[in-house]
Amino acid sequence: VLLLGRLHHRNLVNLVGYCTEKGQNMLVYVYMCNGSLASHLY
């Protein structure tokens, strides 16, 4: 997670933070408009 937070590139979405609670892990990224990557690929 520390490495992901340090990555900055124009083709990557920036990591805002993370949360670990009750056995669940979540990465929080900057919101990107224009739909999901899956909708553009398929």
PDB file of N, CA and C in Angstrom:
ATOM      1  N   VAL A   1       0.828  -1.191   0.000  1.00  0.00           N
ATOM      2  CA  VAL A   1       0.000   0.000   0.000  1.00  0.00           C
ATOM      3  C   VAL A   1       0.870   1.251   0.000  1.00  0.00           C
ATOM      4  N   LEU A   2       1.977   1.208   0.716  1.00  0.00           N
ATOM      5  CA  LEU A   2       2.866   2.378   0.737  1.00  0.00           C
ATOM      6  C   LEU A   2       3.429   2.667  -0.647  1.00  0.00           C
ATOM      7  N   LEU A   3       3.785   1.619  -1.374  1.00  0.00           N
ATOM      8  CA  LEU A   3       4.307   1.805  -2.730  1.00  0.00           C
ATOM      9  C   LEU A   3       3.230   2.370  -3.653  1.00  0.00           C
ATOM     10  N   LEU A   4       2.012   1.844  -3.555  1.00  0.00           N
ATOM     11  CA  LEU A   4       0.919   2.357  -4.394  1.00  0.00           C
ATOM     12  C   LEU A   4       0.651   3.831  -4.132  1.00  0.00           C
ATOM     13  N   GLY A   5       0.785   4.254  -2.890  1.00  0.00           N
ATOM     14  CA  GLY A   5       0.575   5.657  -2.545  1.00  0.00           C
ATOM     15  C   GLY A   5       1.642   6.577  -3.095  1.00  0.00           C
ATOM     16  N   ARG A   6       2.805   6.025  -3.377  1.00  0.00           N
ATOM     17  CA  ARG A   6       3.916   6.838  -3.899  1.00  0.00           C
ATOM     18  C   ARG A   6       3.969   6.885  -5.415  1.00  0.00           C
ATOM     19  N   LEU A   7       3.206   6.018  -6.077  1.00  0.00           N
ATOM     20  CA  LEU A   7       3.214   5.986  -7.537  1.00  0.00           C
ATOM     21  C   LEU A   7       2.421   7.158  -8.098  1.00  0.00           C
ATOM     22  N   HIS A   8       3.026   7.896  -8.981  1.00  0.00           N
ATOM     23  CA  HIS A   8       2.351   9.014  -9.655  1.00  0.00           C
ATOM     24  C   HIS A   8       2.732   8.974 -11.126  1.00  0.00           C
ATOM     25  N   HIS A   9       1.737   8.750 -11.966  1.00  0.00           N
ATOM     26  CA  HIS A   9       1.945   8.687 -13.407  1.00  0.00           C
ATOM     27  C   HIS A   9       0.647   9.127 -14.069  1.00  0.00           C
ATOM     28  N   ARG A  10       0.735   9.748 -15.215  1.00  0.00           N
ATOM     29  CA  ARG A  10      -0.463  10.277 -15.872  1.00  0.00           C
ATOM     30  C   ARG A  10      -1.429   9.173 -16.301  1.00  0.00           C
ATOM     31  N   ASN A  11      -0.965   7.931 -16.419  1.00  0.00           N
ATOM     32  CA  ASN A  11      -1.832   6.820 -16.815  1.00  0.00           C
ATOM     33  C   ASN A  11      -2.331   5.989 -15.637  1.00  0.00           C
ATOM     34  N   LEU A  12      -2.030   6.395 -14.414  1.00  0.00           N
ATOM     35  CA  LEU A  12      -2.461   5.667 -13.220  1.00  0.00           C
ATOM     36  C   LEU A  12      -3.373   6.533 -12.365  1.00  0.00           C
ATOM     37  N   VAL A  13      -4.359   5.903 -11.757  1.00  0.00           N
ATOM     38  CA  VAL A  13      -5.245   6.594 -10.820  1.00  0.00           C
ATOM     39  C   VAL A  13      -4.525   6.675  -9.481  1.00  0.00           C
ATOM     40  N   ASN A  14      -4.540   7.843  -8.850  1.00  0.00           N
ATOM     41  CA  ASN A  14      -3.839   8.031  -7.576  1.00  0.00           C
ATOM     42  C   ASN A  14      -4.591   7.389  -6.419  1.00  0.00           C
ATOM     43  N   LEU A  15      -3.839   6.730  -5.552  1.00  0.00           N
ATOM     44  CA  LEU A  15      -4.394   6.132  -4.345  1.00  0.00           C
ATOM     45  C   LEU A  15      -4.575   7.217  -3.295  1.00  0.00           C
ATOM     46  N   VAL A  16      -5.782   7.307  -2.731  1.00  0.00           N
ATOM     47  CA  VAL A  16      -6.080   8.304  -1.707  1.00  0.00           C
ATOM     48  C   VAL A  16      -5.814   7.737  -0.322  1.00  0.00           C
ATOM     49  N   GLY A  17      -6.179   6.483  -0.114  1.00  0.00           N
ATOM     50  CA  GLY A  17      -5.998   5.877   1.198  1.00  0.00           C
ATOM     51  C   GLY A  17      -6.437   4.433   1.193  1.00  0.00           C
ATOM     52  N   TYR A  18      -6.484   3.848   2.378  1.00  0.00           N
ATOM     53  CA  TYR A  18      -6.919   2.467   2.511  1.00  0.00           C
ATOM     54  C   TYR A  18      -7.600   2.282   3.856  1.00  0.00           C
ATOM     55  N   CYS A  19      -8.342   1.192   3.962  1.00  0.00           N
ATOM     56  CA  CYS A  19      -9.065   0.894   5.196  1.00  0.00           C
ATOM     57  C   CYS A  19      -9.025  -0.612   5.422  1.00  0.00           C
ATOM     58  N   THR A  20      -8.758  -1.023   6.638  1.00  0.00           N
ATOM     59  CA  THR A  20      -8.853  -2.429   7.030  1.00  0.00           C
ATOM     60  C   THR A  20      -9.769  -2.500   8.243  1.00  0.00           C
ATOM     61  N   GLU A  21     -10.899  -3.169   8.061  1.00  0.00           N
ATOM     62  CA  GLU A  21     -11.882  -3.243   9.137  1.00  0.00           C
ATOM     63  C   GLU A  21     -12.639  -4.560   9.057  1.00  0.00           C
ATOM     64  N   LYS A  22     -12.730  -5.256  10.165  1.00  0.00           N
ATOM     65  CA  LYS A  22     -13.487  -6.509  10.273  1.00  0.00           C
ATOM     66  C   LYS A  22     -13.087  -7.511   9.203  1.00  0.00           C
ATOM     67  N   GLY A  23     -11.796  -7.652   8.952  1.00  0.00           N
ATOM     68  CA  GLY A  23     -11.315  -8.611   7.964  1.00  0.00           C
ATOM     69  C   GLY A  23     -11.484  -8.175   6.525  1.00  0.00           C
ATOM     70  N   GLN A  24     -11.973  -6.974   6.300  1.00  0.00           N
ATOM     71  CA  GLN A  24     -12.155  -6.432   4.953  1.00  0.00           C
ATOM     72  C   GLN A  24     -11.040  -5.441   4.660  1.00  0.00           C
ATOM     73  N   ASN A  25     -10.488  -5.499   3.463  1.00  0.00           N
ATOM     74  CA  ASN A  25      -9.462  -4.552   3.029  1.00  0.00           C
ATOM     75  C   ASN A  25     -10.011  -3.752   1.856  1.00  0.00           C
ATOM     76  N   MET A  26      -9.784  -2.440   1.866  1.00  0.00           N
ATOM     77  CA  MET A  26     -10.301  -1.586   0.808  1.00  0.00           C
ATOM     78  C   MET A  26      -9.256  -0.544   0.430  1.00  0.00           C
ATOM     79  N   LEU A  27      -9.041  -0.383  -0.876  1.00  0.00           N
ATOM     80  CA  LEU A  27      -8.192   0.687  -1.395  1.00  0.00           C
ATOM     81  C   LEU A  27      -9.106   1.800  -1.892  1.00  0.00           C
ATOM     82  N   VAL A  28      -8.758   3.043  -1.603  1.00  0.00           N
ATOM     83  CA  VAL A  28      -9.571   4.194  -2.001  1.00  0.00           C
ATOM     84  C   VAL A  28      -8.784   4.993  -3.032  1.00  0.00           C
ATOM     85  N   TYR A  29      -9.356   5.107  -4.219  1.00  0.00           N
ATOM     86  CA  TYR A  29      -8.707   5.826  -5.310  1.00  0.00           C
ATOM     87  C   TYR A  29      -9.479   7.095  -5.650  1.00  0.00           C
ATOM     88  N   VAL A  30      -8.839   8.004  -6.349  1.00  0.00           N
ATOM     89  CA  VAL A  30      -9.481   9.215  -6.849  1.00  0.00           C
ATOM     90  C   VAL A  30     -10.586   8.804  -7.820  1.00  0.00           C
ATOM     91  N   TYR A  31     -11.728   9.495  -7.761  1.00  0.00           N
ATOM     92  CA  TYR A  31     -12.845   9.207  -8.664  1.00  0.00           C
ATOM     93  C   TYR A  31     -12.466   9.580 -10.093  1.00  0.00           C
ATOM     94  N   MET A  32     -12.741   8.672 -11.012  1.00  0.00           N
ATOM     95  CA  MET A  32     -12.499   8.924 -12.430  1.00  0.00           C
ATOM     96  C   MET A  32     -13.837   8.832 -13.160  1.00  0.00           C
ATOM     97  N   CYS A  33     -14.199   9.883 -13.877  1.00  0.00           N
ATOM     98  CA  CYS A  33     -15.460   9.871 -14.624  1.00  0.00           C
ATOM     99  C   CYS A  33     -15.297   9.082 -15.926  1.00  0.00           C
ATOM    100  N   ASN A  34     -16.329   8.994 -16.715  1.00  0.00           N
ATOM    101  CA  ASN A  34     -16.363   8.301 -18.011  1.00  0.00           C
ATOM    102  C   ASN A  34     -16.521   6.796 -17.887  1.00  0.00           C
ATOM    103  N   GLY A  35     -17.080   6.302 -16.802  1.00  0.00           N
ATOM    104  CA  GLY A  35     -17.377   4.880 -16.686  1.00  0.00           C
ATOM    105  C   GLY A  35     -16.197   4.048 -16.216  1.00  0.00           C
ATOM    106  N   SER A  36     -16.414   2.759 -16.209  1.00  0.00           N
ATOM    107  CA  SER A  36     -15.392   1.840 -15.712  1.00  0.00           C
ATOM    108  C   SER A  36     -14.451   1.416 -16.837  1.00  0.00           C
ATOM    109  N   LEU A  37     -13.324   0.894 -16.461  1.00  0.00           N
ATOM    110  CA  LEU A  37     -12.377   0.359 -17.437  1.00  0.00           C
ATOM    111  C   LEU A  37     -13.009  -0.816 -18.167  1.00  0.00           C
ATOM    112  N   ALA A  38     -13.746  -1.647 -17.444  1.00  0.00           N
ATOM    113  CA  ALA A  38     -14.399  -2.808 -18.055  1.00  0.00           C
ATOM    114  C   ALA A  38     -15.358  -2.384 -19.168  1.00  0.00           C
ATOM    115  N   SER A  39     -16.096  -1.292 -18.967  1.00  0.00           N
ATOM    116  CA  SER A  39     -17.045  -0.851 -19.997  1.00  0.00           C
ATOM    117  C   SER A  39     -16.329  -0.371 -21.256  1.00  0.00           C
ATOM    118  N   HIS A  40     -15.107   0.078 -21.134  1.00  0.00           N
ATOM    119  CA  HIS A  40     -14.338   0.515 -22.300  1.00  0.00           C
ATOM    120  C   HIS A  40     -13.651  -0.657 -22.998  1.00  0.00           C
ATOM    121  N   LEU A  41     -13.360  -1.715 -22.252  1.00  0.00           N
ATOM    122  CA  LEU A  41     -12.665  -2.865 -22.828  1.00  0.00           C
ATOM    123  C   LEU A  41     -13.605  -3.871 -23.477  1.00  0.00           C
ATOM    124  N   TYR A  42     -14.829  -3.998 -22.942  1.00  0.00           N
ATOM    125  CA  TYR A  42     -15.728  -5.059 -23.427  1.00  0.00           C
ATOM    126  C   TYR A  42     -16.937  -4.495 -24.102  1.00  0.00           C
TER     127      TYR A  42
END
